[in-house]
């Protein structure tokens, strides 16, 4: 009978190539407003899980959704502004 053994790296192993690069950290920093807006929306939705939804809750969720959309719009506008069009056309 042959035993099947898996080879795994240690969970706490340190390797320089496992760290995020500067470009990856910059991308994360650029997306943080979207992430935080999503967290705010989830917080507003979670508050209404175990109780009746009031008019204030509806407004809070609506504002949070608008912040998410605005943050995503800003992120996509920044990405579009930095993208170049092939052939030099604008």
PDB file of N, CA and C in Angstrom:
ATOM      1  N   UNK A   1       0.838  -1.172   0.000  1.00  0.00           N
ATOM      2  CA  UNK A   1       0.000   0.000   0.000  1.00  0.00           C
ATOM      3  C   UNK A   1       0.891   1.246   0.000  1.00  0.00           C
ATOM      4  N   UNK A   2       0.607   2.164  -0.903  1.00  0.00           N
ATOM      5  CA  UNK A   2       1.380   3.397  -0.982  1.00  0.00           C
ATOM      6  C   UNK A   2       0.600   4.520  -0.311  1.00  0.00           C
ATOM      7  N   UNK A   3       1.311   5.344   0.427  1.00  0.00           N
ATOM      8  CA  UNK A   3       0.698   6.482   1.097  1.00  0.00           C
ATOM      9  C   UNK A   3       0.827   7.721   0.216  1.00  0.00           C
ATOM     10  N   UNK A   4      -0.237   8.469   0.152  1.00  0.00           N
ATOM     11  CA  UNK A   4      -0.219   9.717  -0.613  1.00  0.00           C
ATOM     12  C   UNK A   4       0.070  10.842   0.366  1.00  0.00           C
ATOM     13  N   UNK A   5       1.123  11.578   0.106  1.00  0.00           N
ATOM     14  CA  UNK A   5       1.537  12.657   0.989  1.00  0.00           C
ATOM     15  C   UNK A   5       1.527  13.955   0.200  1.00  0.00           C
ATOM     16  N   UNK A   6       0.978  14.989   0.791  1.00  0.00           N
ATOM     17  CA  UNK A   6       0.987  16.296   0.136  1.00  0.00           C
ATOM     18  C   UNK A   6       2.165  17.107   0.636  1.00  0.00           C
ATOM     19  N   UNK A   7       2.688  17.919  -0.210  1.00  0.00           N
ATOM     20  CA  UNK A   7       3.792  18.793   0.147  1.00  0.00           C
ATOM     21  C   UNK A   7       3.221  20.197   0.266  1.00  0.00           C
ATOM     22  N   UNK A   8       3.399  20.784   1.439  1.00  0.00           N
ATOM     23  CA  UNK A   8       2.866  22.121   1.682  1.00  0.00           C
ATOM     24  C   UNK A   8       3.955  23.018   2.246  1.00  0.00           C
ATOM     25  N   UNK A   9       3.881  24.271   1.898  1.00  0.00           N
ATOM     26  CA  UNK A   9       4.755  25.252   2.527  1.00  0.00           C
ATOM     27  C   UNK A   9       4.227  25.534   3.921  1.00  0.00           C
ATOM     28  N   UNK A  10       5.118  25.861   4.798  1.00  0.00           N
ATOM     29  CA  UNK A  10       4.685  26.223   6.141  1.00  0.00           C
ATOM     30  C   UNK A  10       3.874  27.501   6.070  1.00  0.00           C
ATOM     31  N   UNK A  11       2.872  27.601   6.910  1.00  0.00           N
ATOM     32  CA  UNK A  11       1.989  28.767   6.885  1.00  0.00           C
ATOM     33  C   UNK A  11       2.748  30.033   7.240  1.00  0.00           C
ATOM     34  N   UNK A  12       3.685  29.914   8.131  1.00  0.00           N
ATOM     35  CA  UNK A  12       4.420  31.097   8.584  1.00  0.00           C
ATOM     36  C   UNK A  12       5.730  31.296   7.838  1.00  0.00           C
ATOM     37  N   UNK A  13       5.921  30.575   6.747  1.00  0.00           N
ATOM     38  CA  UNK A  13       7.174  30.713   6.001  1.00  0.00           C
ATOM     39  C   UNK A  13       7.285  32.117   5.434  1.00  0.00           C
ATOM     40  N   UNK A  14       8.481  32.648   5.456  1.00  0.00           N
ATOM     41  CA  UNK A  14       8.715  33.983   4.921  1.00  0.00           C
ATOM     42  C   UNK A  14       9.496  33.862   3.628  1.00  0.00           C
ATOM     43  N   UNK A  15       8.992  34.492   2.638  1.00  0.00           N
ATOM     44  CA  UNK A  15       9.710  34.570   1.369  1.00  0.00           C
ATOM     45  C   UNK A  15       9.474  35.964   0.808  1.00  0.00           C
ATOM     46  N   UNK A  16      10.528  36.622   0.358  1.00  0.00           N
ATOM     47  CA  UNK A  16      10.364  37.993  -0.140  1.00  0.00           C
ATOM     48  C   UNK A  16       9.373  38.107  -1.283  1.00  0.00           C
ATOM     49  N   UNK A  17       9.246  37.068  -2.099  1.00  0.00           N
ATOM     50  CA  UNK A  17       8.339  37.143  -3.246  1.00  0.00           C
ATOM     51  C   UNK A  17       6.875  36.980  -2.839  1.00  0.00           C
ATOM     52  N   UNK A  18       6.599  36.666  -1.570  1.00  0.00           N
ATOM     53  CA  UNK A  18       5.223  36.555  -1.104  1.00  0.00           C
ATOM     54  C   UNK A  18       4.644  37.903  -0.664  1.00  0.00           C
ATOM     55  N   UNK A  19       5.492  38.887  -0.501  1.00  0.00           N
ATOM     56  CA  UNK A  19       5.041  40.218  -0.095  1.00  0.00           C
ATOM     57  C   UNK A  19       4.437  40.950  -1.292  1.00  0.00           C
ATOM     58  N   UNK A  20       3.451  41.822  -1.041  1.00  0.00           N
ATOM     59  CA  UNK A  20       2.888  42.588  -2.160  1.00  0.00           C
ATOM     60  C   UNK A  20       3.910  43.586  -2.701  1.00  0.00           C
ATOM     61  N   UNK A  21       3.848  43.799  -3.972  1.00  0.00           N
ATOM     62  CA  UNK A  21       4.755  44.755  -4.606  1.00  0.00           C
ATOM     63  C   UNK A  21       4.241  46.170  -4.371  1.00  0.00           C
ATOM     64  N   UNK A  22       5.063  47.128  -4.702  1.00  0.00           N
ATOM     65  CA  UNK A  22       4.662  48.530  -4.552  1.00  0.00           C
ATOM     66  C   UNK A  22       3.465  48.843  -5.446  1.00  0.00           C
ATOM     67  N   UNK A  23       3.438  48.268  -6.639  1.00  0.00           N
ATOM     68  CA  UNK A  23       2.318  48.506  -7.552  1.00  0.00           C
ATOM     69  C   UNK A  23       1.020  47.919  -6.992  1.00  0.00           C
ATOM     70  N   UNK A  24       1.115  46.745  -6.371  1.00  0.00           N
ATOM     71  CA  UNK A  24      -0.074  46.137  -5.774  1.00  0.00           C
ATOM     72  C   UNK A  24      -0.571  46.960  -4.589  1.00  0.00           C
ATOM     73  N   UNK A  25       0.344  47.464  -3.787  1.00  0.00           N
ATOM     74  CA  UNK A  25      -0.054  48.319  -2.664  1.00  0.00           C
ATOM     75  C   UNK A  25      -0.688  49.614  -3.147  1.00  0.00           C
ATOM     76  N   UNK A  26      -0.158  50.169  -4.238  1.00  0.00           N
ATOM     77  CA  UNK A  26      -0.755  51.377  -4.818  1.00  0.00           C
ATOM     78  C   UNK A  26      -2.163  51.103  -5.331  1.00  0.00           C
ATOM     79  N   UNK A  27      -2.365  49.940  -5.945  1.00  0.00           N
ATOM     80  CA  UNK A  27      -3.694  49.587  -6.442  1.00  0.00           C
ATOM     81  C   UNK A  27      -4.677  49.417  -5.291  1.00  0.00           C
ATOM     82  N   UNK A  28      -4.222  48.814  -4.208  1.00  0.00           N
ATOM     83  CA  UNK A  28      -5.082  48.655  -3.030  1.00  0.00           C
ATOM     84  C   UNK A  28      -5.444  50.022  -2.459  1.00  0.00           C
ATOM     85  N   UNK A  29      -4.472  50.890  -2.370  1.00  0.00           N
ATOM     86  CA  UNK A  29      -4.715  52.237  -1.838  1.00  0.00           C
ATOM     87  C   UNK A  29      -5.701  53.003  -2.721  1.00  0.00           C
ATOM     88  N   UNK A  30      -5.607  52.804  -4.020  1.00  0.00           N
ATOM     89  CA  UNK A  30      -6.507  53.474  -4.962  1.00  0.00           C
ATOM     90  C   UNK A  30      -7.947  52.984  -4.797  1.00  0.00           C
ATOM     91  N   UNK A  31      -8.115  51.700  -4.451  1.00  0.00           N
ATOM     92  CA  UNK A  31      -9.445  51.115  -4.324  1.00  0.00           C
ATOM     93  C   UNK A  31     -10.035  51.243  -2.913  1.00  0.00           C
ATOM     94  N   UNK A  32      -9.300  51.785  -1.961  1.00  0.00           N
ATOM     95  CA  UNK A  32      -9.785  51.862  -0.587  1.00  0.00           C
ATOM     96  C   UNK A  32     -11.088  52.650  -0.430  1.00  0.00           C
ATOM     97  N   UNK A  33     -11.317  53.759  -1.129  1.00  0.00           N
ATOM     98  CA  UNK A  33     -12.612  54.434  -0.982  1.00  0.00           C
ATOM     99  C   UNK A  33     -13.798  53.542  -1.365  1.00  0.00           C
ATOM    100  N   UNK A  34     -13.628  52.708  -2.380  1.00  0.00           N
ATOM    101  CA  UNK A  34     -14.695  51.790  -2.787  1.00  0.00           C
ATOM    102  C   UNK A  34     -14.908  50.735  -1.704  1.00  0.00           C
ATOM    103  N   UNK A  35     -13.815  50.208  -1.179  1.00  0.00           N
ATOM    104  CA  UNK A  35     -13.912  49.188  -0.138  1.00  0.00           C
ATOM    105  C   UNK A  35     -14.607  49.743   1.097  1.00  0.00           C
ATOM    106  N   UNK A  36     -14.231  50.936   1.509  1.00  0.00           N
ATOM    107  CA  UNK A  36     -14.837  51.532   2.706  1.00  0.00           C
ATOM    108  C   UNK A  36     -16.316  51.865   2.477  1.00  0.00           C
ATOM    109  N   UNK A  37     -16.661  52.293   1.276  1.00  0.00           N
ATOM    110  CA  UNK A  37     -18.066  52.553   0.974  1.00  0.00           C
ATOM    111  C   UNK A  37     -18.872  51.261   1.003  1.00  0.00           C
ATOM    112  N   UNK A  38     -18.297  50.178   0.504  1.00  0.00           N
ATOM    113  CA  UNK A  38     -18.964  48.873   0.566  1.00  0.00           C
ATOM    114  C   UNK A  38     -19.157  48.426   2.014  1.00  0.00           C
ATOM    115  N   UNK A  39     -18.165  48.668   2.855  1.00  0.00           N
ATOM    116  CA  UNK A  39     -18.271  48.311   4.273  1.00  0.00           C
ATOM    117  C   UNK A  39     -19.388  49.109   4.936  1.00  0.00           C
ATOM    118  N   UNK A  40     -19.489  50.398   4.626  1.00  0.00           N
ATOM    119  CA  UNK A  40     -20.560  51.222   5.184  1.00  0.00           C
ATOM    120  C   UNK A  40     -21.936  50.711   4.747  1.00  0.00           C
ATOM    121  N   UNK A  41     -22.047  50.310   3.493  1.00  0.00           N
ATOM    122  CA  UNK A  41     -23.315  49.765   3.001  1.00  0.00           C
ATOM    123  C   UNK A  41     -23.658  48.467   3.723  1.00  0.00           C
ATOM    124  N   UNK A  42     -22.692  47.602   3.887  1.00  0.00           N
ATOM    125  CA  UNK A  42     -22.942  46.359   4.612  1.00  0.00           C
ATOM    126  C   UNK A  42     -23.344  46.620   6.061  1.00  0.00           C
ATOM    127  N   UNK A  43     -22.700  47.588   6.696  1.00  0.00           N
ATOM    128  CA  UNK A  43     -23.076  47.944   8.067  1.00  0.00           C
ATOM    129  C   UNK A  43     -24.523  48.406   8.140  1.00  0.00           C
ATOM    130  N   UNK A  44     -24.917  49.235   7.188  1.00  0.00           N
ATOM    131  CA  UNK A  44     -26.294  49.731   7.176  1.00  0.00           C
ATOM    132  C   UNK A  44     -27.286  48.595   6.935  1.00  0.00           C
ATOM    133  N   UNK A  45     -26.929  47.647   6.085  1.00  0.00           N
ATOM    134  CA  UNK A  45     -27.816  46.526   5.813  1.00  0.00           C
ATOM    135  C   UNK A  45     -27.871  45.555   6.994  1.00  0.00           C
ATOM    136  N   UNK A  46     -26.747  45.330   7.644  1.00  0.00           N
ATOM    137  CA  UNK A  46     -26.698  44.413   8.777  1.00  0.00           C
ATOM    138  C   UNK A  46     -27.540  44.932   9.938  1.00  0.00           C
ATOM    139  N   UNK A  47     -27.568  46.232  10.114  1.00  0.00           N
ATOM    140  CA  UNK A  47     -28.352  46.807  11.217  1.00  0.00           C
ATOM    141  C   UNK A  47     -29.836  46.513  11.073  1.00  0.00           C
ATOM    142  N   UNK A  48     -30.296  46.245   9.872  1.00  0.00           N
ATOM    143  CA  UNK A  48     -31.725  46.029   9.652  1.00  0.00           C
ATOM    144  C   UNK A  48     -32.117  44.554   9.589  1.00  0.00           C
ATOM    145  N   UNK A  49     -31.180  43.659   9.844  1.00  0.00           N
ATOM    146  CA  UNK A  49     -31.475  42.230   9.709  1.00  0.00           C
ATOM    147  C   UNK A  49     -32.486  41.749  10.735  1.00  0.00           C
ATOM    148  N   UNK A  50     -32.320  42.136  11.978  1.00  0.00           N
ATOM    149  CA  UNK A  50     -33.127  41.538  13.048  1.00  0.00           C
ATOM    150  C   UNK A  50     -34.179  42.480  13.632  1.00  0.00           C
ATOM    151  N   UNK A  51     -34.531  43.512  12.892  1.00  0.00           N
ATOM    152  CA  UNK A  51     -35.573  44.413  13.376  1.00  0.00           C
ATOM    153  C   UNK A  51     -36.320  45.012  12.194  1.00  0.00           C
ATOM    154  N   UNK A  52     -37.475  45.542  12.441  1.00  0.00           N
ATOM    155  CA  UNK A  52     -38.230  46.164  11.337  1.00  0.00           C
ATOM    156  C   UNK A  52     -37.471  47.376  10.779  1.00  0.00           C
ATOM    157  N   UNK A  53     -37.562  47.546   9.497  1.00  0.00           N
ATOM    158  CA  UNK A  53     -36.863  48.647   8.830  1.00  0.00           C
ATOM    159  C   UNK A  53     -37.661  49.934   9.014  1.00  0.00           C
ATOM    160  N   UNK A  54     -36.991  50.961   9.486  1.00  0.00           N
ATOM    161  CA  UNK A  54     -37.632  52.261   9.668  1.00  0.00           C
ATOM    162  C   UNK A  54     -37.286  53.167   8.484  1.00  0.00           C
ATOM    163  N   UNK A  55     -37.916  54.311   8.436  1.00  0.00           N
ATOM    164  CA  UNK A  55     -37.620  55.278   7.375  1.00  0.00           C
ATOM    165  C   UNK A  55     -36.169  55.746   7.473  1.00  0.00           C
ATOM    166  N   UNK A  56     -35.664  55.886   8.681  1.00  0.00           N
ATOM    167  CA  UNK A  56     -34.268  56.271   8.861  1.00  0.00           C
ATOM    168  C   UNK A  56     -33.326  55.210   8.296  1.00  0.00           C
ATOM    169  N   UNK A  57     -33.658  53.942   8.494  1.00  0.00           N
ATOM    170  CA  UNK A  57     -32.848  52.859   7.942  1.00  0.00           C
ATOM    171  C   UNK A  57     -32.850  52.892   6.419  1.00  0.00           C
ATOM    172  N   UNK A  58     -34.004  53.150   5.841  1.00  0.00           N
ATOM    173  CA  UNK A  58     -34.107  53.228   4.381  1.00  0.00           C
ATOM    174  C   UNK A  58     -33.225  54.344   3.856  1.00  0.00           C
ATOM    175  N   UNK A  59     -33.239  55.488   4.517  1.00  0.00           N
ATOM    176  CA  UNK A  59     -32.395  56.615   4.096  1.00  0.00           C
ATOM    177  C   UNK A  59     -30.923  56.291   4.258  1.00  0.00           C
ATOM    178  N   UNK A  60     -30.570  55.648   5.363  1.00  0.00           N
ATOM    179  CA  UNK A  60     -29.174  55.282   5.625  1.00  0.00           C
ATOM    180  C   UNK A  60     -28.658  54.328   4.539  1.00  0.00           C
ATOM    181  N   UNK A  61     -29.461  53.351   4.173  1.00  0.00           N
ATOM    182  CA  UNK A  61     -29.051  52.400   3.129  1.00  0.00           C
ATOM    183  C   UNK A  61     -28.964  53.094   1.775  1.00  0.00           C
ATOM    184  N   UNK A  62     -29.910  53.970   1.495  1.00  0.00           N
ATOM    185  CA  UNK A  62     -29.894  54.693   0.222  1.00  0.00           C
ATOM    186  C   UNK A  62     -28.647  55.574   0.103  1.00  0.00           C
ATOM    187  N   UNK A  63     -28.302  56.277   1.192  1.00  0.00           N
ATOM    188  CA  UNK A  63     -27.096  57.109   1.182  1.00  0.00           C
ATOM    189  C   UNK A  63     -25.846  56.254   1.013  1.00  0.00           C
ATOM    190  N   UNK A  64     -25.811  55.109   1.668  1.00  0.00           N
ATOM    191  CA  UNK A  64     -24.653  54.218   1.556  1.00  0.00           C
ATOM    192  C   UNK A  64     -24.519  53.699   0.127  1.00  0.00           C
ATOM    193  N   UNK A  65     -25.631  53.355  -0.506  1.00  0.00           N
ATOM    194  CA  UNK A  65     -25.578  52.903  -1.902  1.00  0.00           C
ATOM    195  C   UNK A  65     -25.067  54.004  -2.821  1.00  0.00           C
ATOM    196  N   UNK A  66     -25.511  55.222  -2.565  1.00  0.00           N
ATOM    197  CA  UNK A  66     -25.035  56.350  -3.382  1.00  0.00           C
ATOM    198  C   UNK A  66     -23.538  56.573  -3.198  1.00  0.00           C
ATOM    199  N   UNK A  67     -23.037  56.405  -1.965  1.00  0.00           N
ATOM    200  CA  UNK A  67     -21.599  56.548  -1.726  1.00  0.00           C
ATOM    201  C   UNK A  67     -20.818  55.457  -2.457  1.00  0.00           C
ATOM    202  N   UNK A  68     -21.356  54.243  -2.486  1.00  0.00           N
ATOM    203  CA  UNK A  68     -20.694  53.156  -3.211  1.00  0.00           C
ATOM    204  C   UNK A  68     -20.633  53.492  -4.698  1.00  0.00           C
ATOM    205  N   UNK A  69     -21.750  53.927  -5.246  1.00  0.00           N
ATOM    206  CA  UNK A  69     -21.769  54.267  -6.672  1.00  0.00           C
ATOM    207  C   UNK A  69     -20.819  55.417  -6.987  1.00  0.00           C
ATOM    208  N   UNK A  70     -20.787  56.427  -6.123  1.00  0.00           N
ATOM    209  CA  UNK A  70     -19.897  57.563  -6.344  1.00  0.00           C
ATOM    210  C   UNK A  70     -18.435  57.139  -6.265  1.00  0.00           C
ATOM    211  N   UNK A  71     -18.104  56.282  -5.308  1.00  0.00           N
ATOM    212  CA  UNK A  71     -16.725  55.814  -5.183  1.00  0.00           C
ATOM    213  C   UNK A  71     -16.317  54.973  -6.387  1.00  0.00           C
ATOM    214  N   UNK A  72     -17.229  54.127  -6.854  1.00  0.00           N
ATOM    215  CA  UNK A  72     -16.920  53.317  -8.043  1.00  0.00           C
ATOM    216  C   UNK A  72     -16.785  54.186  -9.278  1.00  0.00           C
ATOM    217  N   UNK A  73     -17.626  55.220  -9.381  1.00  0.00           N
ATOM    218  CA  UNK A  73     -17.534  56.140 -10.522  1.00  0.00           C
ATOM    219  C   UNK A  73     -16.192  56.855 -10.517  1.00  0.00           C
ATOM    220  N   UNK A  74     -15.771  57.343  -9.337  1.00  0.00           N
ATOM    221  CA  UNK A  74     -14.486  58.032  -9.242  1.00  0.00           C
ATOM    222  C   UNK A  74     -13.334  57.108  -9.610  1.00  0.00           C
ATOM    223  N   UNK A  75     -13.404  55.865  -9.146  1.00  0.00           N
ATOM    224  CA  UNK A  75     -12.340  54.910  -9.463  1.00  0.00           C
ATOM    225  C   UNK A  75     -12.288  54.629 -10.965  1.00  0.00           C
ATOM    226  N   UNK A  76     -13.442  54.446 -11.581  1.00  0.00           N
ATOM    227  CA  UNK A  76     -13.438  54.178 -13.024  1.00  0.00           C
ATOM    228  C   UNK A  76     -13.010  55.403 -13.816  1.00  0.00           C
ATOM    229  N   UNK A  77     -13.357  56.602 -13.342  1.00  0.00           N
ATOM    230  CA  UNK A  77     -12.912  57.818 -14.025  1.00  0.00           C
ATOM    231  C   UNK A  77     -11.404  57.978 -13.915  1.00  0.00           C
ATOM    232  N   UNK A  78     -10.832  57.634 -12.762  1.00  0.00           N
ATOM    233  CA  UNK A  78      -9.378  57.710 -12.605  1.00  0.00           C
ATOM    234  C   UNK A  78      -8.690  56.711 -13.522  1.00  0.00           C
ATOM    235  N   UNK A  79      -9.265  55.516 -13.624  1.00  0.00           N
ATOM    236  CA  UNK A  79      -8.678  54.502 -14.495  1.00  0.00           C
ATOM    237  C   UNK A  79      -8.769  54.930 -15.956  1.00  0.00           C
ATOM    238  N   UNK A  80      -9.883  55.540 -16.335  1.00  0.00           N
ATOM    239  CA  UNK A  80     -10.048  55.992 -17.717  1.00  0.00           C
ATOM    240  C   UNK A  80      -9.118  57.156 -18.027  1.00  0.00           C
ATOM    241  N   UNK A  81      -8.857  58.000 -17.036  1.00  0.00           N
ATOM    242  CA  UNK A  81      -7.987  59.150 -17.259  1.00  0.00           C
ATOM    243  C   UNK A  81      -6.536  58.722 -17.430  1.00  0.00           C
ATOM    244  N   UNK A  82      -6.144  57.634 -16.776  1.00  0.00           N
ATOM    245  CA  UNK A  82      -4.759  57.196 -16.880  1.00  0.00           C
ATOM    246  C   UNK A  82      -4.525  56.272 -18.060  1.00  0.00           C
ATOM    247  N   UNK A  83      -5.598  55.723 -18.621  1.00  0.00           N
ATOM    248  CA  UNK A  83      -5.450  54.825 -19.770  1.00  0.00           C
ATOM    249  C   UNK A  83      -5.131  55.637 -21.022  1.00  0.00           C
ATOM    250  N   UNK A  84      -4.298  55.075 -21.833  1.00  0.00           N
ATOM    251  CA  UNK A  84      -3.957  55.750 -23.090  1.00  0.00           C
ATOM    252  C   UNK A  84      -4.635  55.037 -24.237  1.00  0.00           C
ATOM    253  N   UNK A  85      -4.968  55.792 -25.225  1.00  0.00           N
ATOM    254  CA  UNK A  85      -5.619  55.238 -26.411  1.00  0.00           C
ATOM    255  C   UNK A  85      -4.542  54.886 -27.427  1.00  0.00           C
ATOM    256  N   UNK A  86      -4.576  53.688 -28.014  1.00  0.00           N
ATOM    257  CA  UNK A  86      -3.571  53.317 -29.005  1.00  0.00           C
ATOM    258  C   UNK A  86      -3.580  54.273 -30.190  1.00  0.00           C
ATOM    259  N   UNK A  87      -2.428  54.610 -30.684  1.00  0.00           N
ATOM    260  CA  UNK A  87      -2.316  55.493 -31.843  1.00  0.00           C
ATOM    261  C   UNK A  87      -2.315  56.952 -31.480  1.00  0.00           C
ATOM    262  N   UNK A  88      -2.391  57.288 -30.195  1.00  0.00           N
ATOM    263  CA  UNK A  88      -2.318  58.673 -29.775  1.00  0.00           C
ATOM    264  C   UNK A  88      -3.623  59.431 -29.934  1.00  0.00           C
ATOM    265  N   UNK A  89      -4.713  58.746 -30.233  1.00  0.00           N
ATOM    266  CA  UNK A  89      -5.991  59.434 -30.381  1.00  0.00           C
ATOM    267  C   UNK A  89      -6.604  59.665 -29.010  1.00  0.00           C
ATOM    268  N   UNK A  90      -7.287  60.763 -28.880  1.00  0.00           N
ATOM    269  CA  UNK A  90      -7.917  61.036 -27.589  1.00  0.00           C
ATOM    270  C   UNK A  90      -9.406  61.116 -27.728  1.00  0.00           C
TER     271      UNK A  90
END
